[in-house]
Amino acid sequence: MHKTTVQGAGNKVSTSGWVTPGETALASWEKATYGNKAWADVYDN
């Protein structure tokens, strides 16, 4: 399983929640020319 987390320039955080392998994780983010951060967390059971 994995989830995608996005932190926008205004420090607003959005997450996709946990999704099963093979599915696409979607997280929305603020529109900004810079300052967006995104990362994925992977949970392997």
N, C-alpha and C. Protein backbone atom coordinates (compact mmCIF):
# COMPACT_ATOMS: atom_id res chain seq x y z
N MET A 1 0.85 -1.18 0.00
CA MET A 1 0.00 0.00 0.00
C MET A 1 0.89 1.24 0.00
N HIS A 2 0.34 2.32 -0.50
CA HIS A 2 1.09 3.58 -0.48
C HIS A 2 0.11 4.74 -0.42
N LYS A 3 0.62 5.87 -0.01
CA LYS A 3 -0.18 7.09 -0.04
C LYS A 3 0.72 8.23 -0.49
N THR A 4 0.12 9.20 -1.14
CA THR A 4 0.85 10.37 -1.61
C THR A 4 0.42 11.57 -0.78
N THR A 5 1.38 12.33 -0.32
CA THR A 5 1.11 13.53 0.45
C THR A 5 1.72 14.72 -0.26
N VAL A 6 0.98 15.81 -0.34
CA VAL A 6 1.47 17.03 -0.98
C VAL A 6 1.34 18.18 0.01
N GLN A 7 2.41 18.95 0.16
CA GLN A 7 2.37 20.16 0.99
C GLN A 7 2.58 21.36 0.09
N GLY A 8 1.60 22.24 0.07
CA GLY A 8 1.67 23.41 -0.80
C GLY A 8 2.50 24.53 -0.20
N ALA A 9 2.68 25.57 -0.96
CA ALA A 9 3.51 26.70 -0.54
C ALA A 9 2.95 27.36 0.71
N GLY A 10 1.63 27.30 0.90
CA GLY A 10 1.02 27.89 2.09
C GLY A 10 0.96 26.92 3.26
N ASN A 11 1.74 25.84 3.19
CA ASN A 11 1.81 24.81 4.23
C ASN A 11 0.52 24.01 4.37
N LYS A 12 -0.39 24.11 3.41
CA LYS A 12 -1.58 23.28 3.42
C LYS A 12 -1.20 21.88 2.95
N VAL A 13 -1.60 20.86 3.71
CA VAL A 13 -1.22 19.49 3.39
C VAL A 13 -2.44 18.73 2.88
N SER A 14 -2.25 17.97 1.81
CA SER A 14 -3.30 17.14 1.25
C SER A 14 -2.75 15.73 1.08
N THR A 15 -3.55 14.73 1.39
CA THR A 15 -3.10 13.35 1.24
C THR A 15 -4.13 12.54 0.48
N SER A 16 -3.65 11.51 -0.21
CA SER A 16 -4.54 10.66 -0.99
C SER A 16 -5.19 9.60 -0.11
N GLY A 17 -4.65 9.37 1.10
CA GLY A 17 -5.07 8.21 1.88
C GLY A 17 -4.38 6.97 1.34
N TRP A 18 -4.49 5.87 2.07
CA TRP A 18 -3.81 4.64 1.65
C TRP A 18 -4.52 4.03 0.46
N VAL A 19 -3.76 3.63 -0.55
CA VAL A 19 -4.31 2.95 -1.71
C VAL A 19 -3.59 1.61 -1.89
N THR A 20 -4.27 0.66 -2.51
CA THR A 20 -3.71 -0.67 -2.68
C THR A 20 -2.71 -0.69 -3.82
N PRO A 21 -1.81 -1.67 -3.83
CA PRO A 21 -0.82 -1.76 -4.91
C PRO A 21 -1.50 -1.82 -6.28
N GLY A 22 -0.93 -1.10 -7.23
CA GLY A 22 -1.50 -1.07 -8.58
C GLY A 22 -2.47 0.07 -8.80
N GLU A 23 -2.96 0.66 -7.71
CA GLU A 23 -3.86 1.81 -7.83
C GLU A 23 -3.04 3.09 -7.86
N THR A 24 -3.62 4.14 -8.40
CA THR A 24 -2.94 5.43 -8.46
C THR A 24 -3.39 6.29 -7.29
N ALA A 25 -2.43 6.85 -6.58
CA ALA A 25 -2.74 7.76 -5.48
C ALA A 25 -2.85 9.18 -6.02
N LEU A 26 -3.94 9.84 -5.70
CA LEU A 26 -4.16 11.20 -6.17
C LEU A 26 -4.29 12.14 -4.97
N ALA A 27 -3.49 13.18 -4.97
CA ALA A 27 -3.58 14.20 -3.92
C ALA A 27 -3.59 15.56 -4.61
N SER A 28 -4.48 16.42 -4.17
CA SER A 28 -4.55 17.75 -4.76
C SER A 28 -3.56 18.67 -4.06
N TRP A 29 -3.22 19.75 -4.70
CA TRP A 29 -2.29 20.70 -4.10
C TRP A 29 -2.63 22.10 -4.55
N GLU A 30 -2.09 23.06 -3.82
CA GLU A 30 -2.30 24.46 -4.18
C GLU A 30 -1.54 24.78 -5.46
N LYS A 31 -2.09 25.67 -6.24
CA LYS A 31 -1.37 26.13 -7.43
C LYS A 31 -0.34 27.16 -6.99
N ALA A 32 0.92 26.84 -7.21
CA ALA A 32 2.00 27.74 -6.83
C ALA A 32 3.14 27.55 -7.82
N THR A 33 3.86 28.63 -8.07
CA THR A 33 4.98 28.53 -9.00
C THR A 33 6.18 27.86 -8.35
N TYR A 34 6.22 27.86 -7.02
CA TYR A 34 7.31 27.18 -6.31
C TYR A 34 6.83 26.87 -4.89
N GLY A 35 7.57 26.04 -4.19
CA GLY A 35 7.29 25.79 -2.78
C GLY A 35 6.46 24.55 -2.52
N ASN A 36 5.99 23.86 -3.57
CA ASN A 36 5.24 22.63 -3.34
C ASN A 36 6.19 21.48 -3.03
N LYS A 37 5.80 20.63 -2.06
CA LYS A 37 6.56 19.44 -1.74
C LYS A 37 5.63 18.24 -1.86
N ALA A 38 6.14 17.14 -2.35
CA ALA A 38 5.33 15.93 -2.45
C ALA A 38 6.18 14.74 -2.07
N TRP A 39 5.57 13.78 -1.39
CA TRP A 39 6.30 12.56 -1.05
C TRP A 39 5.32 11.40 -0.99
N ALA A 40 5.86 10.20 -1.06
CA ALA A 40 5.06 8.98 -0.99
C ALA A 40 5.50 8.15 0.20
N ASP A 41 4.52 7.62 0.92
CA ASP A 41 4.79 6.69 2.01
C ASP A 41 4.38 5.30 1.55
N VAL A 42 5.25 4.34 1.76
CA VAL A 42 4.98 2.97 1.32
C VAL A 42 4.90 2.07 2.54
N TYR A 43 3.84 1.28 2.61
CA TYR A 43 3.64 0.33 3.70
C TYR A 43 3.58 -1.05 3.09
N ASP A 44 4.55 -1.88 3.42
CA ASP A 44 4.64 -3.22 2.83
C ASP A 44 4.27 -4.24 3.89
N ASN A 45 3.09 -4.85 3.75
CA ASN A 45 2.69 -5.85 4.74
C ASN A 45 2.90 -7.22 4.14
